[in-house]
Amino acid sequence: MTTTRKIVLDVLKPHKPNGVDFATALAQLSPDYHVRLSVVEMDAKTESVIVVLEGKNIAFDSVSELIKKMGASIHSIDEVEVHGSETI
């Protein structure tokens, strides 16, 4: 079984929720999630942000669904780190 340990997303989000609330909501999906958010561009109504999400086993479907619920959209998946299972 593989596990997704890191995902870097390019996201377009409205100004609300703000970056702190947006990152906090994502981090609350799992107790081991670590989220880093950087604003790369801003206009009158939206912000382009880079979201770096790290954890033991990231549930991408849950992350994607929450991003949509917050009124944002994923432009691209810029980086992924997946670990394969070890066999003994």
PDB file of N, CA and C in Angstrom:
ATOM      1  N   MET A   1       0.840  -1.177   0.000  1.00  0.00           N
ATOM      2  CA  MET A   1       0.000   0.000   0.000  1.00  0.00           C
ATOM      3  C   MET A   1       0.888   1.244   0.000  1.00  0.00           C
ATOM      4  N   THR A   2       0.553   2.199  -0.797  1.00  0.00           N
ATOM      5  CA  THR A   2       1.317   3.445  -0.839  1.00  0.00           C
ATOM      6  C   THR A   2       0.665   4.488   0.062  1.00  0.00           C
ATOM      7  N   THR A   3       1.475   5.444   0.491  1.00  0.00           N
ATOM      8  CA  THR A   3       0.969   6.554   1.290  1.00  0.00           C
ATOM      9  C   THR A   3       1.465   7.860   0.686  1.00  0.00           C
ATOM     10  N   THR A   4       0.583   8.835   0.626  1.00  0.00           N
ATOM     11  CA  THR A   4       0.936  10.164   0.125  1.00  0.00           C
ATOM     12  C   THR A   4       1.405  10.983   1.312  1.00  0.00           C
ATOM     13  N   ARG A   5       2.646  11.441   1.258  1.00  0.00           N
ATOM     14  CA  ARG A   5       3.255  12.151   2.383  1.00  0.00           C
ATOM     15  C   ARG A   5       3.308  13.663   2.188  1.00  0.00           C
ATOM     16  N   LYS A   6       3.296  14.117   0.927  1.00  0.00           N
ATOM     17  CA  LYS A   6       3.407  15.554   0.675  1.00  0.00           C
ATOM     18  C   LYS A   6       2.713  15.881  -0.634  1.00  0.00           C
ATOM     19  N   ILE A   7       1.964  16.999  -0.631  1.00  0.00           N
ATOM     20  CA  ILE A   7       1.328  17.510  -1.834  1.00  0.00           C
ATOM     21  C   ILE A   7       1.531  19.020  -1.860  1.00  0.00           C
ATOM     22  N   VAL A   8       1.929  19.530  -3.019  1.00  0.00           N
ATOM     23  CA  VAL A   8       2.039  20.973  -3.215  1.00  0.00           C
ATOM     24  C   VAL A   8       0.994  21.363  -4.260  1.00  0.00           C
ATOM     25  N   LEU A   9       0.088  22.263  -3.865  1.00  0.00           N
ATOM     26  CA  LEU A   9      -1.028  22.652  -4.717  1.00  0.00           C
ATOM     27  C   LEU A   9      -0.979  24.136  -5.051  1.00  0.00           C
ATOM     28  N   ASP A  10      -1.317  24.454  -6.285  1.00  0.00           N
ATOM     29  CA  ASP A  10      -1.528  25.833  -6.709  1.00  0.00           C
ATOM     30  C   ASP A  10      -3.035  26.048  -6.640  1.00  0.00           C
ATOM     31  N   VAL A  11      -3.471  26.952  -5.765  1.00  0.00           N
ATOM     32  CA  VAL A  11      -4.893  27.123  -5.482  1.00  0.00           C
ATOM     33  C   VAL A  11      -5.309  28.572  -5.712  1.00  0.00           C
ATOM     34  N   LEU A  12      -6.468  28.755  -6.302  1.00  0.00           N
ATOM     35  CA  LEU A  12      -7.084  30.077  -6.429  1.00  0.00           C
ATOM     36  C   LEU A  12      -8.207  30.131  -5.405  1.00  0.00           C
ATOM     37  N   LYS A  13      -8.121  31.102  -4.465  1.00  0.00           N
ATOM     38  CA  LYS A  13      -9.109  31.199  -3.403  1.00  0.00           C
ATOM     39  C   LYS A  13      -9.631  32.621  -3.274  1.00  0.00           C
ATOM     40  N   PRO A  14     -10.846  32.767  -2.751  1.00  0.00           N
ATOM     41  CA  PRO A  14     -11.339  34.113  -2.462  1.00  0.00           C
ATOM     42  C   PRO A  14     -10.583  34.673  -1.252  1.00  0.00           C
ATOM     43  N   HIS A  15     -10.696  35.975  -1.004  1.00  0.00           N
ATOM     44  CA  HIS A  15     -10.008  36.575   0.140  1.00  0.00           C
ATOM     45  C   HIS A  15     -10.512  36.013   1.471  1.00  0.00           C
ATOM     46  N   LYS A  16     -11.777  35.599   1.499  1.00  0.00           N
ATOM     47  CA  LYS A  16     -12.324  34.989   2.709  1.00  0.00           C
ATOM     48  C   LYS A  16     -12.709  33.559   2.398  1.00  0.00           C
ATOM     49  N   PRO A  17     -12.250  32.594   3.172  1.00  0.00           N
ATOM     50  CA  PRO A  17     -11.515  32.757   4.413  1.00  0.00           C
ATOM     51  C   PRO A  17     -10.087  33.240   4.161  1.00  0.00           C
ATOM     52  N   ASN A  18      -9.537  33.925   5.169  1.00  0.00           N
ATOM     53  CA  ASN A  18      -8.164  34.401   5.022  1.00  0.00           C
ATOM     54  C   ASN A  18      -7.192  33.221   5.061  1.00  0.00           C
ATOM     55  N   GLY A  19      -5.930  33.496   4.815  1.00  0.00           N
ATOM     56  CA  GLY A  19      -4.925  32.435   4.733  1.00  0.00           C
ATOM     57  C   GLY A  19      -4.803  31.601   5.993  1.00  0.00           C
ATOM     58  N   VAL A  20      -4.884  32.250   7.159  1.00  0.00           N
ATOM     59  CA  VAL A  20      -4.770  31.524   8.428  1.00  0.00           C
ATOM     60  C   VAL A  20      -5.940  30.549   8.583  1.00  0.00           C
ATOM     61  N   ASP A  21      -7.149  31.033   8.342  1.00  0.00           N
ATOM     62  CA  ASP A  21      -8.327  30.167   8.478  1.00  0.00           C
ATOM     63  C   ASP A  21      -8.330  29.051   7.435  1.00  0.00           C
ATOM     64  N   PHE A  22      -7.897  29.372   6.222  1.00  0.00           N
ATOM     65  CA  PHE A  22      -7.836  28.385   5.146  1.00  0.00           C
ATOM     66  C   PHE A  22      -6.859  27.263   5.511  1.00  0.00           C
ATOM     67  N   ALA A  23      -5.654  27.638   5.930  1.00  0.00           N
ATOM     68  CA  ALA A  23      -4.629  26.649   6.299  1.00  0.00           C
ATOM     69  C   ALA A  23      -5.054  25.857   7.529  1.00  0.00           C
ATOM     70  N   THR A  24      -5.669  26.531   8.495  1.00  0.00           N
ATOM     71  CA  THR A  24      -6.125  25.855   9.715  1.00  0.00           C
ATOM     72  C   THR A  24      -7.177  24.806   9.397  1.00  0.00           C
ATOM     73  N   ALA A  25      -8.124  25.134   8.527  1.00  0.00           N
ATOM     74  CA  ALA A  25      -9.165  24.181   8.148  1.00  0.00           C
ATOM     75  C   ALA A  25      -8.549  22.937   7.509  1.00  0.00           C
ATOM     76  N   LEU A  26      -7.564  23.129   6.647  1.00  0.00           N
ATOM     77  CA  LEU A  26      -6.901  21.980   6.018  1.00  0.00           C
ATOM     78  C   LEU A  26      -6.144  21.152   7.054  1.00  0.00           C
ATOM     79  N   ALA A  27      -5.453  21.815   7.960  1.00  0.00           N
ATOM     80  CA  ALA A  27      -4.684  21.102   8.990  1.00  0.00           C
ATOM     81  C   ALA A  27      -5.590  20.293   9.910  1.00  0.00           C
ATOM     82  N   GLN A  28      -6.816  20.755  10.108  1.00  0.00           N
ATOM     83  CA  GLN A  28      -7.742  20.063  11.001  1.00  0.00           C
ATOM     84  C   GLN A  28      -8.326  18.793  10.394  1.00  0.00           C
ATOM     85  N   LEU A  29      -8.045  18.521   9.131  1.00  0.00           N
ATOM     86  CA  LEU A  29      -8.521  17.280   8.524  1.00  0.00           C
ATOM     87  C   LEU A  29      -7.878  16.049   9.159  1.00  0.00           C
ATOM     88  N   SER A  30      -6.667  16.199   9.679  1.00  0.00           N
ATOM     89  CA  SER A  30      -5.975  15.085  10.328  1.00  0.00           C
ATOM     90  C   SER A  30      -4.992  15.647  11.354  1.00  0.00           C
ATOM     91  N   PRO A  31      -4.854  14.983  12.506  1.00  0.00           N
ATOM     92  CA  PRO A  31      -3.966  15.516  13.542  1.00  0.00           C
ATOM     93  C   PRO A  31      -2.484  15.572  13.146  1.00  0.00           C
ATOM     94  N   ASP A  32      -2.087  14.832  12.114  1.00  0.00           N
ATOM     95  CA  ASP A  32      -0.680  14.855  11.717  1.00  0.00           C
ATOM     96  C   ASP A  32      -0.401  15.730  10.492  1.00  0.00           C
ATOM     97  N   TYR A  33      -1.406  16.444   9.988  1.00  0.00           N
ATOM     98  CA  TYR A  33      -1.196  17.304   8.821  1.00  0.00           C
ATOM     99  C   TYR A  33      -0.453  18.578   9.221  1.00  0.00           C
ATOM    100  N   HIS A  34       0.518  18.938   8.392  1.00  0.00           N
ATOM    101  CA  HIS A  34       1.244  20.198   8.522  1.00  0.00           C
ATOM    102  C   HIS A  34       0.980  20.976   7.242  1.00  0.00           C
ATOM    103  N   VAL A  35       0.542  22.219   7.376  1.00  0.00           N
ATOM    104  CA  VAL A  35       0.163  23.021   6.213  1.00  0.00           C
ATOM    105  C   VAL A  35       0.980  24.308   6.191  1.00  0.00           C
ATOM    106  N   ARG A  36       1.508  24.622   5.011  1.00  0.00           N
ATOM    107  CA  ARG A  36       2.199  25.887   4.772  1.00  0.00           C
ATOM    108  C   ARG A  36       1.513  26.549   3.585  1.00  0.00           C
ATOM    109  N   LEU A  37       1.152  27.804   3.728  1.00  0.00           N
ATOM    110  CA  LEU A  37       0.455  28.529   2.667  1.00  0.00           C
ATOM    111  C   LEU A  37       1.233  29.793   2.342  1.00  0.00           C
ATOM    112  N   SER A  38       1.471  30.026   1.046  1.00  0.00           N
ATOM    113  CA  SER A  38       2.161  31.229   0.589  1.00  0.00           C
ATOM    114  C   SER A  38       1.302  31.907  -0.470  1.00  0.00           C
ATOM    115  N   VAL A  39       1.091  33.198  -0.303  1.00  0.00           N
ATOM    116  CA  VAL A  39       0.354  33.971  -1.304  1.00  0.00           C
ATOM    117  C   VAL A  39       1.342  34.367  -2.392  1.00  0.00           C
ATOM    118  N   VAL A  40       1.006  34.058  -3.655  1.00  0.00           N
ATOM    119  CA  VAL A  40       1.901  34.400  -4.761  1.00  0.00           C
ATOM    120  C   VAL A  40       1.347  35.516  -5.633  1.00  0.00           C
ATOM    121  N   GLU A  41       0.023  35.723  -5.563  1.00  0.00           N
ATOM    122  CA  GLU A  41      -0.582  36.784  -6.360  1.00  0.00           C
ATOM    123  C   GLU A  41      -1.927  37.140  -5.744  1.00  0.00           C
ATOM    124  N   MET A  42      -2.293  38.419  -5.845  1.00  0.00           N
ATOM    125  CA  MET A  42      -3.554  38.866  -5.283  1.00  0.00           C
ATOM    126  C   MET A  42      -4.198  39.869  -6.225  1.00  0.00           C
ATOM    127  N   ASP A  43      -5.520  39.766  -6.381  1.00  0.00           N
ATOM    128  CA  ASP A  43      -6.242  40.800  -7.121  1.00  0.00           C
ATOM    129  C   ASP A  43      -7.419  41.256  -6.259  1.00  0.00           C
ATOM    130  N   ALA A  44      -8.358  41.944  -6.844  1.00  0.00           N
ATOM    131  CA  ALA A  44      -9.448  42.544  -6.069  1.00  0.00           C
ATOM    132  C   ALA A  44     -10.314  41.502  -5.355  1.00  0.00           C
ATOM    133  N   LYS A  45     -10.492  40.325  -5.945  1.00  0.00           N
ATOM    134  CA  LYS A  45     -11.413  39.343  -5.374  1.00  0.00           C
ATOM    135  C   LYS A  45     -10.782  38.018  -4.973  1.00  0.00           C
ATOM    136  N   THR A  46      -9.605  37.708  -5.508  1.00  0.00           N
ATOM    137  CA  THR A  46      -9.018  36.396  -5.265  1.00  0.00           C
ATOM    138  C   THR A  46      -7.539  36.476  -4.923  1.00  0.00           C
ATOM    139  N   GLU A  47      -7.038  35.346  -4.458  1.00  0.00           N
ATOM    140  CA  GLU A  47      -5.613  35.175  -4.171  1.00  0.00           C
ATOM    141  C   GLU A  47      -5.151  33.871  -4.799  1.00  0.00           C
ATOM    142  N   SER A  48      -3.988  33.879  -5.413  1.00  0.00           N
ATOM    143  CA  SER A  48      -3.346  32.640  -5.845  1.00  0.00           C
ATOM    144  C   SER A  48      -2.388  32.252  -4.730  1.00  0.00           C
ATOM    145  N   VAL A  49      -2.532  31.036  -4.232  1.00  0.00           N
ATOM    146  CA  VAL A  49      -1.703  30.584  -3.120  1.00  0.00           C
ATOM    147  C   VAL A  49      -1.078  29.237  -3.452  1.00  0.00           C
ATOM    148  N   ILE A  50       0.068  28.994  -2.849  1.00  0.00           N
ATOM    149  CA  ILE A  50       0.703  27.685  -2.908  1.00  0.00           C
ATOM    150  C   ILE A  50       0.487  27.048  -1.543  1.00  0.00           C
ATOM    151  N   VAL A  51      -0.117  25.859  -1.553  1.00  0.00           N
ATOM    152  CA  VAL A  51      -0.384  25.127  -0.320  1.00  0.00           C
ATOM    153  C   VAL A  51       0.523  23.902  -0.297  1.00  0.00           C
ATOM    154  N   VAL A  52       1.344  23.813   0.749  1.00  0.00           N
ATOM    155  CA  VAL A  52       2.185  22.642   0.960  1.00  0.00           C
ATOM    156  C   VAL A  52       1.575  21.876   2.121  1.00  0.00           C
ATOM    157  N   LEU A  53       1.150  20.651   1.854  1.00  0.00           N
ATOM    158  CA  LEU A  53       0.492  19.820   2.853  1.00  0.00           C
ATOM    159  C   LEU A  53       1.336  18.575   3.060  1.00  0.00           C
ATOM    160  N   GLU A  54       1.716  18.331   4.313  1.00  0.00           N
ATOM    161  CA  GLU A  54       2.517  17.154   4.640  1.00  0.00           C
ATOM    162  C   GLU A  54       1.834  16.363   5.745  1.00  0.00           C
ATOM    163  N   GLY A  55       1.953  15.049   5.681  1.00  0.00           N
ATOM    164  CA  GLY A  55       1.359  14.178   6.687  1.00  0.00           C
ATOM    165  C   GLY A  55       1.750  12.741   6.434  1.00  0.00           C
ATOM    166  N   LYS A  56       1.323  11.864   7.326  1.00  0.00           N
ATOM    167  CA  LYS A  56       1.668  10.446   7.204  1.00  0.00           C
ATOM    168  C   LYS A  56       0.943   9.760   6.061  1.00  0.00           C
ATOM    169  N   ASN A  57      -0.300  10.164   5.811  1.00  0.00           N
ATOM    170  CA  ASN A  57      -1.069   9.569   4.721  1.00  0.00           C
ATOM    171  C   ASN A  57      -2.178  10.543   4.337  1.00  0.00           C
ATOM    172  N   ILE A  58      -1.887  11.434   3.420  1.00  0.00           N
ATOM    173  CA  ILE A  58      -2.811  12.501   3.039  1.00  0.00           C
ATOM    174  C   ILE A  58      -3.962  11.929   2.216  1.00  0.00           C
ATOM    175  N   ALA A  59      -5.174  12.278   2.623  1.00  0.00           N
ATOM    176  CA  ALA A  59      -6.381  11.877   1.901  1.00  0.00           C
ATOM    177  C   ALA A  59      -6.715  12.987   0.911  1.00  0.00           C
ATOM    178  N   PHE A  60      -6.209  12.860  -0.313  1.00  0.00           N
ATOM    179  CA  PHE A  60      -6.357  13.935  -1.293  1.00  0.00           C
ATOM    180  C   PHE A  60      -7.817  14.261  -1.581  1.00  0.00           C
ATOM    181  N   ASP A  61      -8.674  13.267  -1.643  1.00  0.00           N
ATOM    182  CA  ASP A  61     -10.094  13.528  -1.928  1.00  0.00           C
ATOM    183  C   ASP A  61     -10.712  14.435  -0.864  1.00  0.00           C
ATOM    184  N   SER A  62     -10.378  14.202   0.391  1.00  0.00           N
ATOM    185  CA  SER A  62     -10.891  15.040   1.483  1.00  0.00           C
ATOM    186  C   SER A  62     -10.339  16.451   1.400  1.00  0.00           C
ATOM    187  N   VAL A  63      -9.072  16.564   1.061  1.00  0.00           N
ATOM    188  CA  VAL A  63      -8.433  17.877   0.911  1.00  0.00           C
ATOM    189  C   VAL A  63      -9.095  18.642  -0.226  1.00  0.00           C
ATOM    190  N   SER A  64      -9.256  17.995  -1.358  1.00  0.00           N
ATOM    191  CA  SER A  64      -9.859  18.619  -2.527  1.00  0.00           C
ATOM    192  C   SER A  64     -11.292  19.067  -2.243  1.00  0.00           C
ATOM    193  N   GLU A  65     -12.049  18.221  -1.568  1.00  0.00           N
ATOM    194  CA  GLU A  65     -13.444  18.540  -1.238  1.00  0.00           C
ATOM    195  C   GLU A  65     -13.525  19.762  -0.317  1.00  0.00           C
ATOM    196  N   LEU A  66     -12.657  19.819   0.689  1.00  0.00           N
ATOM    197  CA  LEU A  66     -12.672  20.950   1.611  1.00  0.00           C
ATOM    198  C   LEU A  66     -12.276  22.247   0.904  1.00  0.00           C
ATOM    199  N   ILE A  67     -11.297  22.172   0.026  1.00  0.00           N
ATOM    200  CA  ILE A  67     -10.885  23.351  -0.736  1.00  0.00           C
ATOM    201  C   ILE A  67     -12.073  23.891  -1.529  1.00  0.00           C
ATOM    202  N   LYS A  68     -12.819  23.009  -2.165  1.00  0.00           N
ATOM    203  CA  LYS A  68     -14.006  23.429  -2.915  1.00  0.00           C
ATOM    204  C   LYS A  68     -15.065  24.027  -1.999  1.00  0.00           C
ATOM    205  N   LYS A  69     -15.276  23.424  -0.825  1.00  0.00           N
ATOM    206  CA  LYS A  69     -16.266  23.940   0.123  1.00  0.00           C
ATOM    207  C   LYS A  69     -15.920  25.351   0.601  1.00  0.00           C
ATOM    208  N   MET A  70     -14.633  25.670   0.609  1.00  0.00           N
ATOM    209  CA  MET A  70     -14.209  27.008   1.032  1.00  0.00           C
ATOM    210  C   MET A  70     -14.220  28.002  -0.123  1.00  0.00           C
ATOM    211  N   GLY A  71     -14.755  27.585  -1.279  1.00  0.00           N
ATOM    212  CA  GLY A  71     -14.902  28.484  -2.415  1.00  0.00           C
ATOM    213  C   GLY A  71     -13.672  28.623  -3.284  1.00  0.00           C
ATOM    214  N   ALA A  72     -12.712  27.728  -3.106  1.00  0.00           N
ATOM    215  CA  ALA A  72     -11.457  27.790  -3.857  1.00  0.00           C
ATOM    216  C   ALA A  72     -11.410  26.678  -4.901  1.00  0.00           C
ATOM    217  N   SER A  73     -10.407  26.744  -5.766  1.00  0.00           N
ATOM    218  CA  SER A  73     -10.223  25.691  -6.767  1.00  0.00           C
ATOM    219  C   SER A  73      -8.740  25.384  -6.929  1.00  0.00           C
ATOM    220  N   ILE A  74      -8.462  24.126  -7.184  1.00  0.00           N
ATOM    221  CA  ILE A  74      -7.087  23.687  -7.399  1.00  0.00           C
ATOM    222  C   ILE A  74      -6.735  23.921  -8.858  1.00  0.00           C
ATOM    223  N   HIS A  75      -5.708  24.743  -9.088  1.00  0.00           N
ATOM    224  CA  HIS A  75      -5.233  24.971 -10.461  1.00  0.00           C
ATOM    225  C   HIS A  75      -4.346  23.827 -10.922  1.00  0.00           C
ATOM    226  N   SER A  76      -3.469  23.387 -10.017  1.00  0.00           N
ATOM    227  CA  SER A  76      -2.567  22.300 -10.393  1.00  0.00           C
ATOM    228  C   SER A  76      -1.991  21.626  -9.163  1.00  0.00           C
ATOM    229  N   ILE A  77      -1.562  20.396  -9.362  1.00  0.00           N
ATOM    230  CA  ILE A  77      -0.789  19.666  -8.365  1.00  0.00           C
ATOM    231  C   ILE A  77       0.656  19.804  -8.815  1.00  0.00           C
ATOM    232  N   ASP A  78       1.421  20.589  -8.070  1.00  0.00           N
ATOM    233  CA  ASP A  78       2.776  20.925  -8.502  1.00  0.00           C
ATOM    234  C   ASP A  78       3.843  19.950  -8.008  1.00  0.00           C
ATOM    235  N   GLU A  79       3.557  19.240  -6.940  1.00  0.00           N
ATOM    236  CA  GLU A  79       4.535  18.287  -6.412  1.00  0.00           C
ATOM    237  C   GLU A  79       3.799  17.258  -5.567  1.00  0.00           C
ATOM    238  N   VAL A  80       4.252  16.015  -5.640  1.00  0.00           N
ATOM    239  CA  VAL A  80       3.675  14.943  -4.835  1.00  0.00           C
ATOM    240  C   VAL A  80       4.798  14.053  -4.349  1.00  0.00           C
ATOM    241  N   GLU A  81       4.712  13.637  -3.094  1.00  0.00           N
ATOM    242  CA  GLU A  81       5.649  12.658  -2.559  1.00  0.00           C
ATOM    243  C   GLU A  81       4.841  11.473  -2.058  1.00  0.00           C
ATOM    244  N   VAL A  82       5.081  10.308  -2.661  1.00  0.00           N
ATOM    245  CA  VAL A  82       4.355   9.103  -2.304  1.00  0.00           C
ATOM    246  C   VAL A  82       5.375   8.047  -1.882  1.00  0.00           C
ATOM    247  N   HIS A  83       5.085   7.354  -0.778  1.00  0.00           N
ATOM    248  CA  HIS A  83       5.958   6.298  -0.305  1.00  0.00           C
ATOM    249  C   HIS A  83       5.290   4.962  -0.577  1.00  0.00           C
ATOM    250  N   GLY A  84       6.048   4.012  -1.102  1.00  0.00           N
ATOM    251  CA  GLY A  84       5.546   2.670  -1.337  1.00  0.00           C
ATOM    252  C   GLY A  84       5.655   1.834  -0.078  1.00  0.00           C
ATOM    253  N   SER A  85       4.964   0.704  -0.085  1.00  0.00           N
ATOM    254  CA  SER A  85       5.008  -0.164   1.072  1.00  0.00           C
ATOM    255  C   SER A  85       6.298  -0.968   1.061  1.00  0.00           C
ATOM    256  N   GLU A  86       6.762  -1.262   2.251  1.00  0.00           N
ATOM    257  CA  GLU A  86       7.956  -2.106   2.372  1.00  0.00           C
ATOM    258  C   GLU A  86       7.515  -3.546   2.548  1.00  0.00           C
ATOM    259  N   THR A  87       8.202  -4.430   1.875  1.00  0.00           N
ATOM    260  CA  THR A  87       7.905  -5.835   2.047  1.00  0.00           C
ATOM    261  C   THR A  87       9.045  -6.484   2.808  1.00  0.00           C
ATOM    262  N   ILE A  88       8.691  -7.408   3.671  1.00  0.00           N
ATOM    263  CA  ILE A  88       9.709  -8.072   4.515  1.00  0.00           C
ATOM    264  C   ILE A  88       9.819  -9.516   4.106  1.00  0.00           C
TER     265      ILE A  88
END
